[in-house]
């Protein structure tokens, strides 16, 4: 079982919508030595990500979201706040939404107990492969928040390890 999964979602062909994927790609390089963390480019989501949620004890999702704020604003939603935010979000333009993935995980009783959404207010989401300057600036904050969360979460013991010690 993977302890922590960092899942970047979005469409990198729609400028700021791809912020989650751009952040995940940067974090893959920065966190490659951490064996307790799996960083995933989730793209525009799909049901194939369900096993990823099932294997995670902790989940950090990185995504562009309508926050009614200035472009580049970063907000963090924890556990039930995350769930409530998803419940209010407009329908996703992706094939599968986070709501769909979370519903599957709830039905199979595999929703990670610790969930965090790091949401970023986009400036534009039109054709283009580069982030706007406001979101480029926000990348450092996103990366910093992810690293702080991962460092703050204590390692969890695998129950099998406890049996081996007995």
N, C-alpha and C. Protein backbone atom coordinates (compact mmCIF):
# COMPACT_ATOMS: atom_id res chain seq x y z
N UNK A 1 0.85 -1.18 0.00
CA UNK A 1 0.00 0.00 0.00
C UNK A 1 0.89 1.24 0.00
N UNK A 2 0.63 2.15 -0.94
CA UNK A 2 1.36 3.40 -1.02
C UNK A 2 0.92 4.31 0.11
N UNK A 3 1.86 4.92 0.80
CA UNK A 3 1.48 5.81 1.89
C UNK A 3 0.85 7.09 1.38
N UNK A 4 1.52 7.81 0.49
CA UNK A 4 0.99 9.08 0.00
C UNK A 4 1.03 9.13 -1.51
N UNK A 5 -0.07 9.58 -2.09
CA UNK A 5 -0.15 9.77 -3.54
C UNK A 5 -0.41 11.25 -3.78
N UNK A 6 0.40 11.83 -4.67
CA UNK A 6 0.19 13.20 -5.13
C UNK A 6 -0.30 13.07 -6.56
N UNK A 7 -1.52 13.54 -6.80
CA UNK A 7 -2.19 13.38 -8.09
C UNK A 7 -2.42 14.75 -8.73
N UNK A 8 -1.70 15.01 -9.81
CA UNK A 8 -1.89 16.25 -10.55
C UNK A 8 -2.87 16.01 -11.68
N UNK A 9 -3.91 16.83 -11.76
CA UNK A 9 -4.91 16.64 -12.82
C UNK A 9 -5.08 17.93 -13.62
N UNK A 10 -5.56 17.76 -14.84
CA UNK A 10 -5.82 18.89 -15.72
C UNK A 10 -5.39 18.59 -17.14
N UNK A 11 -5.70 19.52 -18.02
CA UNK A 11 -5.38 19.38 -19.43
C UNK A 11 -4.28 20.36 -19.78
N UNK A 12 -3.09 19.86 -20.08
CA UNK A 12 -1.94 20.72 -20.37
C UNK A 12 -2.07 21.45 -21.70
N UNK A 13 -3.09 21.13 -22.48
CA UNK A 13 -3.32 21.84 -23.74
C UNK A 13 -4.25 23.03 -23.57
N UNK A 14 -4.75 23.24 -22.34
CA UNK A 14 -5.67 24.34 -22.05
C UNK A 14 -5.07 25.29 -21.01
N UNK A 15 -3.92 25.84 -21.33
CA UNK A 15 -3.18 26.80 -20.49
C UNK A 15 -3.28 26.46 -19.01
N UNK A 16 -3.97 27.30 -18.22
CA UNK A 16 -3.97 27.16 -16.76
C UNK A 16 -4.70 25.93 -16.24
N UNK A 17 -5.53 25.30 -17.06
CA UNK A 17 -6.19 24.08 -16.61
C UNK A 17 -5.16 22.99 -16.31
N UNK A 18 -4.00 23.08 -16.92
CA UNK A 18 -2.97 22.06 -16.74
C UNK A 18 -2.06 22.26 -15.54
N UNK A 19 -2.38 23.22 -14.66
CA UNK A 19 -1.50 23.53 -13.54
C UNK A 19 -1.22 22.31 -12.66
N UNK A 20 -2.20 21.47 -12.42
CA UNK A 20 -1.99 20.29 -11.58
C UNK A 20 -0.98 19.33 -12.17
N UNK A 21 -1.06 19.13 -13.47
CA UNK A 21 -0.12 18.24 -14.16
C UNK A 21 1.28 18.85 -14.17
N UNK A 22 1.36 20.15 -14.46
CA UNK A 22 2.68 20.81 -14.45
C UNK A 22 3.32 20.70 -13.06
N UNK A 23 2.53 20.89 -12.01
CA UNK A 23 3.05 20.79 -10.65
C UNK A 23 3.49 19.36 -10.34
N UNK A 24 2.70 18.38 -10.77
CA UNK A 24 3.06 16.97 -10.54
C UNK A 24 4.36 16.63 -11.24
N UNK A 25 4.54 17.10 -12.43
CA UNK A 25 5.78 16.82 -13.16
C UNK A 25 6.99 17.41 -12.44
N UNK A 26 6.83 18.61 -11.91
CA UNK A 26 7.92 19.22 -11.15
C UNK A 26 8.18 18.43 -9.87
N UNK A 27 7.13 18.01 -9.20
CA UNK A 27 7.27 17.25 -7.95
C UNK A 27 7.86 15.86 -8.18
N UNK A 28 7.59 15.26 -9.34
CA UNK A 28 8.18 13.95 -9.65
C UNK A 28 9.69 14.03 -9.56
N UNK A 29 10.26 15.11 -10.07
CA UNK A 29 11.71 15.28 -10.03
C UNK A 29 12.20 15.55 -8.61
N UNK A 30 11.48 16.39 -7.89
CA UNK A 30 11.91 16.79 -6.54
C UNK A 30 11.75 15.67 -5.51
N UNK A 31 10.78 14.79 -5.72
CA UNK A 31 10.47 13.77 -4.71
C UNK A 31 10.88 12.36 -5.13
N UNK A 32 11.68 12.24 -6.17
CA UNK A 32 11.99 10.91 -6.69
C UNK A 32 12.71 10.01 -5.70
N UNK A 33 13.36 10.57 -4.70
CA UNK A 33 14.06 9.77 -3.69
C UNK A 33 13.12 9.26 -2.59
N UNK A 34 11.90 9.79 -2.51
CA UNK A 34 10.98 9.41 -1.44
C UNK A 34 10.24 8.13 -1.84
N UNK A 35 10.48 7.07 -1.11
CA UNK A 35 9.83 5.79 -1.41
C UNK A 35 8.41 5.72 -0.86
N UNK A 36 8.05 6.65 0.03
CA UNK A 36 6.72 6.65 0.63
C UNK A 36 5.72 7.50 -0.16
N UNK A 37 6.18 8.08 -1.28
CA UNK A 37 5.34 8.99 -2.07
C UNK A 37 5.33 8.55 -3.53
N UNK A 38 4.14 8.54 -4.10
CA UNK A 38 3.99 8.29 -5.53
C UNK A 38 3.37 9.54 -6.13
N UNK A 39 4.05 10.16 -7.09
CA UNK A 39 3.53 11.34 -7.77
C UNK A 39 3.02 10.90 -9.13
N UNK A 40 1.77 11.28 -9.45
CA UNK A 40 1.12 10.79 -10.66
C UNK A 40 0.57 11.94 -11.48
N UNK A 41 0.86 11.91 -12.78
CA UNK A 41 0.25 12.82 -13.75
C UNK A 41 -1.08 12.17 -14.13
N UNK A 42 -2.16 12.67 -13.55
CA UNK A 42 -3.49 12.10 -13.79
C UNK A 42 -4.18 12.65 -15.03
N UNK A 43 -3.55 13.61 -15.70
CA UNK A 43 -4.13 14.17 -16.91
C UNK A 43 -5.57 14.61 -16.71
N UNK A 44 -6.42 14.20 -17.62
CA UNK A 44 -7.83 14.59 -17.55
C UNK A 44 -8.67 13.53 -16.87
N UNK A 45 -8.05 12.74 -16.06
CA UNK A 45 -8.70 11.73 -15.22
C UNK A 45 -9.30 10.59 -16.04
N UNK A 46 -9.48 9.48 -15.38
CA UNK A 46 -10.11 8.32 -15.98
C UNK A 46 -10.36 7.31 -14.87
N UNK A 47 -11.26 6.38 -15.15
CA UNK A 47 -11.57 5.36 -14.15
C UNK A 47 -10.36 4.48 -13.85
N UNK A 48 -9.34 4.51 -14.72
CA UNK A 48 -8.15 3.70 -14.46
C UNK A 48 -7.38 4.19 -13.24
N UNK A 49 -7.73 5.38 -12.73
CA UNK A 49 -7.07 5.90 -11.53
C UNK A 49 -7.67 5.33 -10.24
N UNK A 50 -8.76 4.60 -10.34
CA UNK A 50 -9.40 4.03 -9.15
C UNK A 50 -8.46 3.18 -8.32
N UNK A 51 -7.68 2.27 -8.92
CA UNK A 51 -6.75 1.47 -8.10
C UNK A 51 -5.72 2.33 -7.37
N UNK A 52 -5.37 3.46 -7.96
CA UNK A 52 -4.43 4.37 -7.31
C UNK A 52 -5.01 4.88 -6.00
N UNK A 53 -6.29 5.28 -6.01
CA UNK A 53 -6.94 5.74 -4.79
C UNK A 53 -7.04 4.60 -3.78
N UNK A 54 -7.32 3.41 -4.26
CA UNK A 54 -7.45 2.25 -3.37
C UNK A 54 -6.14 1.97 -2.64
N UNK A 55 -5.01 2.24 -3.29
CA UNK A 55 -3.72 1.90 -2.70
C UNK A 55 -3.16 3.00 -1.80
N UNK A 56 -3.81 4.15 -1.79
CA UNK A 56 -3.25 5.29 -1.04
C UNK A 56 -3.83 5.39 0.36
N UNK A 57 -2.96 5.66 1.32
CA UNK A 57 -3.41 5.99 2.67
C UNK A 57 -3.71 7.47 2.77
N UNK A 58 -2.97 8.25 1.97
CA UNK A 58 -3.11 9.71 1.95
C UNK A 58 -3.11 10.16 0.50
N UNK A 59 -3.91 11.19 0.20
CA UNK A 59 -4.03 11.67 -1.17
C UNK A 59 -3.94 13.19 -1.20
N UNK A 60 -3.09 13.70 -2.07
CA UNK A 60 -3.02 15.13 -2.33
C UNK A 60 -3.35 15.32 -3.81
N UNK A 61 -4.39 16.11 -4.09
CA UNK A 61 -4.80 16.38 -5.46
C UNK A 61 -4.43 17.83 -5.79
N UNK A 62 -3.84 18.01 -6.95
CA UNK A 62 -3.45 19.34 -7.44
C UNK A 62 -4.29 19.64 -8.67
N UNK A 63 -5.02 20.77 -8.65
CA UNK A 63 -5.92 21.05 -9.77
C UNK A 63 -6.26 22.53 -9.84
N UNK A 64 -6.61 22.98 -11.03
CA UNK A 64 -7.18 24.31 -11.21
C UNK A 64 -8.64 24.24 -10.78
N UNK A 65 -9.12 25.30 -10.14
CA UNK A 65 -10.51 25.31 -9.67
C UNK A 65 -11.02 26.74 -9.61
N UNK A 66 -12.30 26.88 -9.79
CA UNK A 66 -12.94 28.18 -9.68
C UNK A 66 -13.09 28.53 -8.21
N UNK A 67 -12.26 29.45 -7.75
CA UNK A 67 -12.23 29.85 -6.35
C UNK A 67 -12.84 31.23 -6.13
N UNK A 68 -13.27 31.87 -7.20
CA UNK A 68 -13.77 33.24 -7.12
C UNK A 68 -12.70 34.15 -6.50
N UNK A 69 -11.48 34.00 -6.98
CA UNK A 69 -10.34 34.74 -6.43
C UNK A 69 -9.46 35.23 -7.58
N UNK A 70 -8.42 35.93 -7.25
CA UNK A 70 -7.47 36.42 -8.24
C UNK A 70 -6.71 35.25 -8.86
N UNK A 71 -6.36 35.34 -10.15
CA UNK A 71 -5.58 34.27 -10.78
C UNK A 71 -4.30 33.99 -10.00
N UNK A 72 -4.02 32.72 -9.81
CA UNK A 72 -2.84 32.29 -9.07
C UNK A 72 -3.08 32.09 -7.58
N UNK A 73 -4.28 32.42 -7.11
CA UNK A 73 -4.61 32.18 -5.70
C UNK A 73 -4.61 30.68 -5.44
N UNK A 74 -3.95 30.27 -4.37
CA UNK A 74 -3.87 28.86 -3.99
C UNK A 74 -4.64 28.66 -2.69
N UNK A 75 -5.52 27.69 -2.68
CA UNK A 75 -6.25 27.35 -1.46
C UNK A 75 -6.15 25.85 -1.22
N UNK A 76 -6.12 25.50 0.06
CA UNK A 76 -5.98 24.10 0.45
C UNK A 76 -7.24 23.67 1.19
N UNK A 77 -7.79 22.53 0.77
CA UNK A 77 -8.99 21.97 1.38
C UNK A 77 -8.65 20.59 1.92
N UNK A 78 -8.93 20.37 3.22
CA UNK A 78 -8.61 19.12 3.88
C UNK A 78 -9.85 18.26 4.08
N UNK A 79 -9.70 16.97 3.85
CA UNK A 79 -10.69 15.93 4.17
C UNK A 79 -12.13 16.35 3.85
N UNK A 80 -12.94 16.62 4.87
CA UNK A 80 -14.35 16.95 4.63
C UNK A 80 -14.52 18.26 3.87
N UNK A 81 -13.60 19.22 4.09
CA UNK A 81 -13.64 20.46 3.30
C UNK A 81 -13.46 20.13 1.82
N UNK A 82 -12.57 19.21 1.55
CA UNK A 82 -12.31 18.75 0.18
C UNK A 82 -13.59 18.15 -0.39
N UNK A 83 -14.21 17.25 0.37
CA UNK A 83 -15.45 16.60 -0.08
C UNK A 83 -16.54 17.64 -0.35
N UNK A 84 -16.68 18.60 0.56
CA UNK A 84 -17.71 19.63 0.41
C UNK A 84 -17.43 20.50 -0.81
N UNK A 85 -16.15 20.82 -1.05
CA UNK A 85 -15.79 21.62 -2.22
C UNK A 85 -16.14 20.87 -3.49
N UNK A 86 -15.85 19.58 -3.53
CA UNK A 86 -16.19 18.78 -4.70
C UNK A 86 -17.69 18.76 -4.94
N UNK A 87 -18.45 18.72 -3.86
CA UNK A 87 -19.90 18.69 -3.97
C UNK A 87 -20.47 19.97 -4.55
N UNK A 88 -19.77 21.08 -4.38
CA UNK A 88 -20.23 22.37 -4.90
C UNK A 88 -19.69 22.67 -6.29
N UNK A 89 -18.65 21.96 -6.69
CA UNK A 89 -17.99 22.27 -7.96
C UNK A 89 -18.91 21.99 -9.14
N UNK A 90 -18.74 22.81 -10.17
CA UNK A 90 -19.53 22.57 -11.37
C UNK A 90 -19.03 21.30 -12.03
N UNK A 91 -19.83 20.78 -12.95
CA UNK A 91 -19.45 19.54 -13.61
C UNK A 91 -18.12 19.68 -14.34
N UNK A 92 -17.34 18.64 -14.28
CA UNK A 92 -16.02 18.64 -14.89
C UNK A 92 -16.14 18.50 -16.40
N UNK A 93 -15.18 19.11 -17.11
CA UNK A 93 -15.13 18.92 -18.56
C UNK A 93 -14.30 17.68 -18.89
N UNK A 94 -13.76 17.04 -17.89
CA UNK A 94 -12.94 15.85 -18.12
C UNK A 94 -13.85 14.63 -18.30
N UNK A 95 -13.27 13.57 -18.83
CA UNK A 95 -13.99 12.31 -19.05
C UNK A 95 -14.63 11.82 -17.75
N UNK A 96 -13.88 11.89 -16.70
CA UNK A 96 -14.32 11.46 -15.38
C UNK A 96 -13.95 12.57 -14.43
N UNK A 97 -14.79 12.86 -13.47
CA UNK A 97 -14.47 13.92 -12.52
C UNK A 97 -13.90 13.32 -11.24
N UNK A 98 -13.35 14.16 -10.41
CA UNK A 98 -12.89 13.72 -9.09
C UNK A 98 -14.06 13.18 -8.28
N UNK A 99 -15.23 13.79 -8.45
CA UNK A 99 -16.42 13.31 -7.75
C UNK A 99 -16.68 11.85 -8.11
N UNK A 100 -16.57 11.53 -9.40
CA UNK A 100 -16.78 10.14 -9.85
C UNK A 100 -15.78 9.20 -9.20
N UNK A 101 -14.51 9.59 -9.19
CA UNK A 101 -13.47 8.74 -8.59
C UNK A 101 -13.71 8.56 -7.09
N UNK A 102 -14.09 9.64 -6.42
CA UNK A 102 -14.36 9.55 -4.98
C UNK A 102 -15.59 8.69 -4.71
N UNK A 103 -16.60 8.78 -5.57
CA UNK A 103 -17.78 7.94 -5.39
C UNK A 103 -17.43 6.46 -5.50
N UNK A 104 -16.58 6.12 -6.46
CA UNK A 104 -16.14 4.73 -6.60
C UNK A 104 -15.39 4.29 -5.34
N UNK A 105 -14.50 5.14 -4.87
CA UNK A 105 -13.72 4.81 -3.66
C UNK A 105 -14.63 4.65 -2.44
N UNK A 106 -15.67 5.48 -2.34
CA UNK A 106 -16.60 5.34 -1.21
C UNK A 106 -17.37 4.03 -1.30
N UNK A 107 -17.80 3.69 -2.52
CA UNK A 107 -18.56 2.45 -2.71
C UNK A 107 -17.72 1.22 -2.37
N UNK A 108 -16.43 1.30 -2.61
CA UNK A 108 -15.54 0.17 -2.32
C UNK A 108 -14.84 0.32 -0.98
N UNK A 109 -15.23 1.36 -0.23
CA UNK A 109 -14.66 1.63 1.09
C UNK A 109 -13.14 1.77 1.04
N UNK A 110 -12.64 2.47 0.00
CA UNK A 110 -11.20 2.64 -0.16
C UNK A 110 -10.79 4.11 -0.29
N UNK A 111 -11.66 5.02 0.10
CA UNK A 111 -11.32 6.44 0.04
C UNK A 111 -10.23 6.72 1.07
N UNK A 112 -9.11 7.33 0.64
CA UNK A 112 -8.05 7.63 1.60
C UNK A 112 -8.58 8.47 2.76
N UNK A 113 -8.20 8.10 3.97
CA UNK A 113 -8.69 8.80 5.16
C UNK A 113 -8.20 10.25 5.18
N UNK A 114 -6.98 10.48 4.71
CA UNK A 114 -6.44 11.83 4.66
C UNK A 114 -6.42 12.27 3.21
N UNK A 115 -7.18 13.36 2.94
CA UNK A 115 -7.30 13.87 1.58
C UNK A 115 -7.09 15.38 1.59
N UNK A 116 -6.34 15.85 0.63
CA UNK A 116 -6.09 17.29 0.53
C UNK A 116 -6.22 17.69 -0.94
N UNK A 117 -6.95 18.77 -1.16
CA UNK A 117 -7.01 19.38 -2.48
C UNK A 117 -6.24 20.69 -2.42
N UNK A 118 -5.27 20.83 -3.29
CA UNK A 118 -4.58 22.10 -3.44
C UNK A 118 -5.12 22.66 -4.76
N UNK A 119 -5.97 23.67 -4.62
CA UNK A 119 -6.67 24.25 -5.77
C UNK A 119 -6.07 25.60 -6.12
N UNK A 120 -6.02 25.89 -7.41
CA UNK A 120 -5.43 27.12 -7.89
C UNK A 120 -6.42 27.80 -8.84
N UNK A 121 -6.64 29.09 -8.61
CA UNK A 121 -7.54 29.87 -9.48
C UNK A 121 -6.85 30.11 -10.82
N UNK A 122 -7.42 29.60 -11.93
CA UNK A 122 -6.83 29.86 -13.24
C UNK A 122 -7.14 31.28 -13.72
N UNK A 123 -6.31 31.75 -14.64
CA UNK A 123 -6.61 33.03 -15.29
C UNK A 123 -7.38 32.77 -16.57
N UNK A 124 -6.84 31.87 -17.40
CA UNK A 124 -7.52 31.49 -18.63
C UNK A 124 -7.37 29.99 -18.85
N UNK A 125 -8.32 29.42 -19.55
CA UNK A 125 -8.26 28.00 -19.91
C UNK A 125 -8.63 27.86 -21.38
N UNK A 126 -7.78 28.46 -22.22
CA UNK A 126 -7.97 28.36 -23.66
C UNK A 126 -6.78 27.60 -24.23
N UNK A 127 -6.81 27.33 -25.54
CA UNK A 127 -5.73 26.57 -26.15
C UNK A 127 -4.38 27.22 -25.89
N UNK A 128 -3.49 26.41 -25.40
CA UNK A 128 -2.12 26.86 -25.13
C UNK A 128 -1.47 25.89 -24.17
N UNK A 129 -0.17 25.70 -24.33
CA UNK A 129 0.53 24.71 -23.52
C UNK A 129 1.29 25.30 -22.34
N UNK A 130 1.31 26.62 -22.22
CA UNK A 130 2.06 27.27 -21.14
C UNK A 130 1.10 27.88 -20.13
N UNK A 131 1.53 27.88 -18.88
CA UNK A 131 0.75 28.54 -17.83
C UNK A 131 0.91 30.04 -17.96
N UNK A 132 -0.10 30.77 -17.50
CA UNK A 132 0.00 32.23 -17.47
C UNK A 132 1.01 32.63 -16.39
N UNK A 133 1.53 33.86 -16.44
CA UNK A 133 2.51 34.28 -15.42
C UNK A 133 1.99 34.12 -13.98
N UNK A 134 0.71 34.40 -13.75
CA UNK A 134 0.16 34.27 -12.39
C UNK A 134 0.26 32.84 -11.88
N UNK A 135 0.00 31.88 -12.75
CA UNK A 135 0.06 30.48 -12.31
C UNK A 135 1.49 29.97 -12.27
N UNK A 136 2.34 30.48 -13.14
CA UNK A 136 3.77 30.14 -13.03
C UNK A 136 4.31 30.57 -11.69
N UNK A 137 3.90 31.75 -11.23
CA UNK A 137 4.32 32.25 -9.92
C UNK A 137 3.78 31.36 -8.80
N UNK A 138 2.57 30.86 -8.96
CA UNK A 138 1.93 30.03 -7.93
C UNK A 138 2.59 28.65 -7.79
N UNK A 139 3.33 28.22 -8.79
CA UNK A 139 3.94 26.88 -8.75
C UNK A 139 4.83 26.69 -7.53
N UNK A 140 5.61 27.69 -7.17
CA UNK A 140 6.49 27.56 -6.00
C UNK A 140 5.68 27.34 -4.74
N UNK A 141 4.55 28.02 -4.61
CA UNK A 141 3.69 27.85 -3.44
C UNK A 141 3.07 26.46 -3.41
N UNK A 142 2.63 25.97 -4.56
CA UNK A 142 2.04 24.63 -4.64
C UNK A 142 3.06 23.58 -4.20
N UNK A 143 4.25 23.66 -4.76
CA UNK A 143 5.32 22.70 -4.43
C UNK A 143 5.65 22.78 -2.94
N UNK A 144 5.74 23.97 -2.41
CA UNK A 144 6.05 24.15 -0.99
C UNK A 144 4.97 23.53 -0.10
N UNK A 145 3.70 23.74 -0.43
CA UNK A 145 2.61 23.17 0.37
C UNK A 145 2.67 21.65 0.34
N UNK A 146 2.89 21.08 -0.83
CA UNK A 146 2.96 19.61 -0.94
C UNK A 146 4.10 19.07 -0.08
N UNK A 147 5.27 19.67 -0.19
CA UNK A 147 6.42 19.20 0.59
C UNK A 147 6.16 19.33 2.09
N UNK A 148 5.55 20.45 2.52
CA UNK A 148 5.23 20.63 3.94
C UNK A 148 4.24 19.56 4.42
N UNK A 149 3.22 19.27 3.62
CA UNK A 149 2.25 18.24 4.01
C UNK A 149 2.92 16.88 4.15
N UNK A 150 3.71 16.53 3.16
CA UNK A 150 4.37 15.22 3.19
C UNK A 150 5.32 15.10 4.38
N UNK A 151 6.01 16.18 4.71
CA UNK A 151 6.92 16.15 5.85
C UNK A 151 6.17 16.14 7.18
N UNK A 152 4.98 16.74 7.22
CA UNK A 152 4.21 16.80 8.47
C UNK A 152 3.50 15.49 8.78
N UNK A 153 3.17 14.73 7.74
CA UNK A 153 2.47 13.47 7.96
C UNK A 153 3.47 12.44 8.48
N UNK A 154 3.22 11.91 9.66
CA UNK A 154 4.15 10.89 10.18
C UNK A 154 4.02 9.60 9.36
N UNK A 155 5.12 8.88 9.26
CA UNK A 155 5.05 7.60 8.55
C UNK A 155 4.05 6.68 9.26
N UNK A 156 3.31 5.95 8.47
CA UNK A 156 2.36 5.01 9.06
C UNK A 156 2.96 3.62 9.00
N UNK A 157 2.70 2.84 10.02
CA UNK A 157 3.20 1.48 10.08
C UNK A 157 2.32 0.57 9.24
N UNK A 158 2.96 -0.35 8.58
CA UNK A 158 2.23 -1.40 7.89
C UNK A 158 1.93 -2.47 8.92
N UNK A 159 0.66 -2.86 9.07
CA UNK A 159 0.33 -3.88 10.07
C UNK A 159 1.16 -5.15 9.91
N UNK A 160 1.58 -5.47 8.71
CA UNK A 160 2.41 -6.67 8.49
C UNK A 160 3.75 -6.53 9.19
N UNK A 161 4.29 -5.28 9.22
CA UNK A 161 5.55 -5.05 9.92
C UNK A 161 5.43 -5.36 11.39
N UNK A 162 4.31 -5.00 12.00
CA UNK A 162 4.10 -5.24 13.43
C UNK A 162 4.05 -6.73 13.73
N UNK A 163 3.47 -7.49 12.84
CA UNK A 163 3.38 -8.94 13.03
C UNK A 163 4.78 -9.55 12.97
N UNK A 164 5.61 -9.03 12.02
CA UNK A 164 6.97 -9.56 11.88
C UNK A 164 7.81 -9.29 13.13
N UNK A 165 7.56 -8.18 13.83
CA UNK A 165 8.34 -7.83 15.00
C UNK A 165 7.97 -8.67 16.21
N UNK A 166 6.79 -9.25 16.21
CA UNK A 166 6.31 -10.00 17.38
C UNK A 166 7.05 -11.29 17.57
